[in-house]
Amino acid sequence: MQNAYAEFQDRGVELVAISMDVVSDAKSMADVMHATFPVLADSDGKTTEEYGVYDLLGDKVAAPSVFIIGDDGAVTWNYIGDSVSDRPTVEQILSAL
């Protein structure tokens, strides 16, 4: 996602990653990825539960997911992975925008 971040910004879209790690681990992950977009921590799982993606794969973490949220706060598109490695391509996300 970092490689495509400028393309998202060019479209007026903000990219945000959410990790179920504690803040320090989420920051470390962002540092390793050289992320220039926000990486937020959801260590209590509240957000992943609210979006309905917690423990879908029986692993007590969030399934890989992408949500496009409109200006009105409504989810306009989502992709929820069927496995740990099932993630949409950048092209799929950009196309959904």
N, C-alpha and C. Protein backbone atom coordinates (compact mmCIF):
# COMPACT_ATOMS: atom_id res chain seq x y z
N MET A 1 0.82 -1.19 0.00
CA MET A 1 0.00 0.00 0.00
C MET A 1 0.86 1.26 0.00
N GLN A 2 2.01 1.17 0.66
CA GLN A 2 2.88 2.34 0.70
C GLN A 2 3.27 2.77 -0.71
N ASN A 3 3.57 1.81 -1.58
CA ASN A 3 3.97 2.14 -2.95
C ASN A 3 2.88 2.86 -3.72
N ALA A 4 1.63 2.64 -3.36
CA ALA A 4 0.50 3.25 -4.07
C ALA A 4 -0.10 4.44 -3.30
N TYR A 5 0.48 4.79 -2.16
CA TYR A 5 -0.11 5.82 -1.32
C TYR A 5 -0.30 7.14 -2.06
N ALA A 6 0.67 7.54 -2.85
CA ALA A 6 0.55 8.80 -3.60
C ALA A 6 -0.64 8.76 -4.56
N GLU A 7 -0.89 7.61 -5.13
CA GLU A 7 -2.03 7.49 -6.05
C GLU A 7 -3.36 7.66 -5.31
N PHE A 8 -3.43 7.11 -4.09
CA PHE A 8 -4.64 7.32 -3.28
C PHE A 8 -4.80 8.79 -2.95
N GLN A 9 -3.71 9.43 -2.54
CA GLN A 9 -3.77 10.85 -2.20
C GLN A 9 -4.17 11.70 -3.40
N ASP A 10 -3.66 11.35 -4.58
CA ASP A 10 -4.02 12.08 -5.80
C ASP A 10 -5.53 12.03 -6.06
N ARG A 11 -6.17 10.98 -5.57
CA ARG A 11 -7.63 10.85 -5.74
C ARG A 11 -8.40 11.45 -4.57
N GLY A 12 -7.67 12.08 -3.66
CA GLY A 12 -8.33 12.71 -2.51
C GLY A 12 -8.77 11.72 -1.45
N VAL A 13 -8.08 10.57 -1.40
CA VAL A 13 -8.45 9.49 -0.49
C VAL A 13 -7.37 9.34 0.57
N GLU A 14 -7.79 9.18 1.82
CA GLU A 14 -6.83 8.90 2.89
C GLU A 14 -6.79 7.41 3.14
N LEU A 15 -5.61 6.88 3.26
CA LEU A 15 -5.37 5.48 3.56
C LEU A 15 -5.00 5.36 5.02
N VAL A 16 -5.65 4.45 5.74
CA VAL A 16 -5.37 4.23 7.16
C VAL A 16 -5.31 2.72 7.39
N ALA A 17 -4.26 2.27 8.06
CA ALA A 17 -4.15 0.86 8.43
C ALA A 17 -4.50 0.73 9.91
N ILE A 18 -5.16 -0.36 10.24
CA ILE A 18 -5.50 -0.63 11.64
C ILE A 18 -4.92 -1.98 12.01
N SER A 19 -4.14 -1.98 13.08
CA SER A 19 -3.49 -3.18 13.58
C SER A 19 -4.10 -3.55 14.93
N MET A 20 -4.22 -4.82 15.20
CA MET A 20 -4.72 -5.25 16.51
C MET A 20 -3.61 -5.30 17.55
N ASP A 21 -2.43 -4.85 17.19
CA ASP A 21 -1.30 -4.82 18.11
C ASP A 21 -1.44 -3.65 19.08
N VAL A 22 -0.63 -3.67 20.13
CA VAL A 22 -0.55 -2.52 21.03
C VAL A 22 0.13 -1.39 20.26
N VAL A 23 0.01 -0.19 20.76
CA VAL A 23 0.50 1.00 20.07
C VAL A 23 1.97 0.87 19.68
N SER A 24 2.81 0.43 20.60
CA SER A 24 4.24 0.34 20.31
C SER A 24 4.52 -0.65 19.17
N ASP A 25 3.80 -1.77 19.13
CA ASP A 25 3.99 -2.74 18.05
C ASP A 25 3.44 -2.23 16.73
N ALA A 26 2.33 -1.51 16.77
CA ALA A 26 1.78 -0.91 15.55
C ALA A 26 2.76 0.11 15.00
N LYS A 27 3.38 0.88 15.88
CA LYS A 27 4.38 1.86 15.45
C LYS A 27 5.58 1.15 14.84
N SER A 28 6.03 0.08 15.46
CA SER A 28 7.16 -0.68 14.92
C SER A 28 6.84 -1.23 13.54
N MET A 29 5.61 -1.73 13.36
CA MET A 29 5.19 -2.24 12.06
C MET A 29 5.21 -1.11 11.03
N ALA A 30 4.70 0.05 11.41
CA ALA A 30 4.70 1.20 10.49
C ALA A 30 6.12 1.59 10.13
N ASP A 31 7.02 1.55 11.09
CA ASP A 31 8.41 1.88 10.83
C ASP A 31 9.05 0.89 9.87
N VAL A 32 8.81 -0.39 10.07
CA VAL A 32 9.36 -1.44 9.20
C VAL A 32 8.83 -1.28 7.78
N MET A 33 7.54 -0.93 7.65
CA MET A 33 6.91 -0.76 6.33
C MET A 33 7.26 0.59 5.71
N HIS A 34 7.92 1.47 6.50
CA HIS A 34 8.19 2.84 6.05
C HIS A 34 6.88 3.53 5.66
N ALA A 35 5.85 3.25 6.43
CA ALA A 35 4.52 3.80 6.15
C ALA A 35 4.49 5.30 6.40
N THR A 36 4.01 6.02 5.41
CA THR A 36 3.80 7.46 5.59
C THR A 36 2.32 7.76 5.82
N PHE A 37 1.49 6.72 5.78
CA PHE A 37 0.08 6.85 6.10
C PHE A 37 -0.12 6.42 7.54
N PRO A 38 -1.22 6.82 8.17
CA PRO A 38 -1.44 6.46 9.57
C PRO A 38 -1.63 4.96 9.77
N VAL A 39 -0.99 4.44 10.82
CA VAL A 39 -1.18 3.06 11.26
C VAL A 39 -1.68 3.16 12.69
N LEU A 40 -2.92 2.76 12.89
CA LEU A 40 -3.58 2.88 14.19
C LEU A 40 -3.62 1.56 14.91
N ALA A 41 -3.65 1.61 16.23
CA ALA A 41 -3.72 0.40 17.05
C ALA A 41 -5.14 0.18 17.55
N ASP A 42 -5.58 -1.06 17.46
CA ASP A 42 -6.90 -1.48 17.96
C ASP A 42 -6.67 -2.69 18.87
N SER A 43 -5.84 -2.49 19.90
CA SER A 43 -5.41 -3.63 20.72
C SER A 43 -6.55 -4.29 21.49
N ASP A 44 -7.64 -3.57 21.73
CA ASP A 44 -8.77 -4.20 22.42
C ASP A 44 -9.75 -4.85 21.45
N GLY A 45 -9.51 -4.67 20.15
CA GLY A 45 -10.33 -5.32 19.13
C GLY A 45 -11.70 -4.69 18.92
N LYS A 46 -11.96 -3.57 19.56
CA LYS A 46 -13.29 -2.96 19.47
C LYS A 46 -13.65 -2.59 18.02
N THR A 47 -12.72 -1.98 17.32
CA THR A 47 -13.00 -1.55 15.94
C THR A 47 -13.20 -2.75 15.03
N THR A 48 -12.33 -3.75 15.15
CA THR A 48 -12.46 -4.93 14.28
C THR A 48 -13.76 -5.67 14.56
N GLU A 49 -14.19 -5.69 15.81
CA GLU A 49 -15.48 -6.31 16.13
C GLU A 49 -16.63 -5.50 15.54
N GLU A 50 -16.56 -4.17 15.65
CA GLU A 50 -17.63 -3.32 15.11
C GLU A 50 -17.77 -3.47 13.60
N TYR A 51 -16.66 -3.71 12.92
CA TYR A 51 -16.70 -3.89 11.47
C TYR A 51 -16.96 -5.35 11.07
N GLY A 52 -17.11 -6.21 12.06
CA GLY A 52 -17.48 -7.59 11.81
C GLY A 52 -16.40 -8.46 11.21
N VAL A 53 -15.14 -8.13 11.46
CA VAL A 53 -14.05 -8.91 10.87
C VAL A 53 -13.18 -9.62 11.90
N TYR A 54 -13.55 -9.53 13.18
CA TYR A 54 -12.76 -10.18 14.22
C TYR A 54 -13.00 -11.68 14.25
N ASP A 55 -11.93 -12.44 14.25
CA ASP A 55 -11.93 -13.90 14.42
C ASP A 55 -12.74 -14.66 13.35
N LEU A 56 -12.89 -14.09 12.18
CA LEU A 56 -13.60 -14.79 11.12
C LEU A 56 -12.87 -16.04 10.66
N LEU A 57 -11.55 -16.05 10.83
CA LEU A 57 -10.75 -17.18 10.39
C LEU A 57 -10.39 -18.11 11.55
N GLY A 58 -10.98 -17.86 12.73
CA GLY A 58 -10.74 -18.70 13.90
C GLY A 58 -9.36 -18.52 14.51
N ASP A 59 -8.76 -17.34 14.29
CA ASP A 59 -7.40 -17.11 14.79
C ASP A 59 -7.31 -15.99 15.83
N LYS A 60 -8.44 -15.52 16.30
CA LYS A 60 -8.53 -14.49 17.34
C LYS A 60 -7.92 -13.15 16.94
N VAL A 61 -7.83 -12.88 15.64
CA VAL A 61 -7.42 -11.58 15.12
C VAL A 61 -8.37 -11.19 14.00
N ALA A 62 -8.19 -10.00 13.47
CA ALA A 62 -9.05 -9.53 12.38
C ALA A 62 -8.65 -10.20 11.07
N ALA A 63 -9.64 -10.53 10.27
CA ALA A 63 -9.37 -11.02 8.92
C ALA A 63 -8.84 -9.85 8.10
N PRO A 64 -7.95 -10.12 7.14
CA PRO A 64 -7.48 -9.03 6.29
C PRO A 64 -8.68 -8.37 5.61
N SER A 65 -8.80 -7.06 5.74
CA SER A 65 -9.99 -6.37 5.26
C SER A 65 -9.64 -4.99 4.74
N VAL A 66 -10.44 -4.54 3.80
CA VAL A 66 -10.34 -3.18 3.29
C VAL A 66 -11.76 -2.62 3.25
N PHE A 67 -11.91 -1.43 3.78
CA PHE A 67 -13.20 -0.74 3.75
C PHE A 67 -13.01 0.62 3.11
N ILE A 68 -13.89 0.96 2.19
CA ILE A 68 -13.93 2.32 1.66
C ILE A 68 -15.11 2.99 2.34
N ILE A 69 -14.81 4.10 2.98
CA ILE A 69 -15.82 4.82 3.75
C ILE A 69 -16.04 6.17 3.10
N GLY A 70 -17.28 6.47 2.78
CA GLY A 70 -17.62 7.72 2.10
C GLY A 70 -17.58 8.91 3.04
N ASP A 71 -17.74 10.08 2.47
CA ASP A 71 -17.75 11.32 3.25
C ASP A 71 -18.82 11.33 4.33
N ASP A 72 -19.89 10.57 4.11
CA ASP A 72 -20.98 10.52 5.08
C ASP A 72 -20.76 9.49 6.18
N GLY A 73 -19.61 8.79 6.13
CA GLY A 73 -19.27 7.79 7.15
C GLY A 73 -19.80 6.40 6.85
N ALA A 74 -20.52 6.24 5.75
CA ALA A 74 -21.06 4.93 5.39
C ALA A 74 -20.03 4.12 4.59
N VAL A 75 -20.01 2.83 4.84
CA VAL A 75 -19.14 1.93 4.07
C VAL A 75 -19.73 1.80 2.67
N THR A 76 -18.93 2.15 1.67
CA THR A 76 -19.40 2.08 0.29
C THR A 76 -18.87 0.85 -0.44
N TRP A 77 -17.83 0.22 0.10
CA TRP A 77 -17.24 -0.99 -0.51
C TRP A 77 -16.39 -1.66 0.53
N ASN A 78 -16.35 -2.99 0.48
CA ASN A 78 -15.42 -3.69 1.38
C ASN A 78 -14.92 -4.96 0.72
N TYR A 79 -13.81 -5.40 1.22
CA TYR A 79 -13.21 -6.67 0.81
C TYR A 79 -12.75 -7.34 2.08
N ILE A 80 -13.25 -8.53 2.35
CA ILE A 80 -12.88 -9.27 3.55
C ILE A 80 -12.25 -10.57 3.10
N GLY A 81 -10.99 -10.77 3.48
CA GLY A 81 -10.23 -11.93 3.03
C GLY A 81 -10.72 -13.24 3.61
N ASP A 82 -10.58 -14.29 2.79
CA ASP A 82 -10.95 -15.65 3.21
C ASP A 82 -9.79 -16.38 3.86
N SER A 83 -8.59 -15.79 3.83
CA SER A 83 -7.40 -16.38 4.45
C SER A 83 -6.45 -15.24 4.82
N VAL A 84 -5.41 -15.56 5.55
CA VAL A 84 -4.46 -14.55 5.99
C VAL A 84 -3.82 -13.83 4.80
N SER A 85 -3.65 -14.52 3.70
CA SER A 85 -2.99 -13.92 2.54
C SER A 85 -3.97 -13.37 1.50
N ASP A 86 -5.27 -13.48 1.74
CA ASP A 86 -6.27 -13.01 0.79
C ASP A 86 -6.52 -11.51 0.99
N ARG A 87 -5.95 -10.74 0.10
CA ARG A 87 -6.08 -9.29 0.16
C ARG A 87 -6.36 -8.76 -1.24
N PRO A 88 -7.10 -7.68 -1.34
CA PRO A 88 -7.36 -7.12 -2.67
C PRO A 88 -6.10 -6.46 -3.22
N THR A 89 -6.03 -6.39 -4.52
CA THR A 89 -4.92 -5.68 -5.15
C THR A 89 -5.19 -4.18 -5.07
N VAL A 90 -4.15 -3.41 -5.25
CA VAL A 90 -4.29 -1.96 -5.29
C VAL A 90 -5.25 -1.58 -6.41
N GLU A 91 -5.13 -2.27 -7.54
CA GLU A 91 -6.00 -1.98 -8.68
C GLU A 91 -7.47 -2.21 -8.33
N GLN A 92 -7.76 -3.27 -7.60
CA GLN A 92 -9.15 -3.54 -7.20
C GLN A 92 -9.67 -2.42 -6.31
N ILE A 93 -8.85 -1.96 -5.39
CA ILE A 93 -9.28 -0.90 -4.49
C ILE A 93 -9.50 0.40 -5.26
N LEU A 94 -8.54 0.75 -6.11
CA LEU A 94 -8.66 1.98 -6.88
C LEU A 94 -9.88 1.92 -7.80
N SER A 95 -10.14 0.77 -8.35
CA SER A 95 -11.31 0.61 -9.22
C SER A 95 -12.61 0.82 -8.43
N ALA A 96 -12.63 0.36 -7.19
CA ALA A 96 -13.82 0.52 -6.35
C ALA A 96 -14.05 1.97 -5.94
N LEU A 97 -13.00 2.76 -5.98
CA LEU A 97 -13.16 4.17 -5.62
C LEU A 97 -13.98 4.89 -6.67
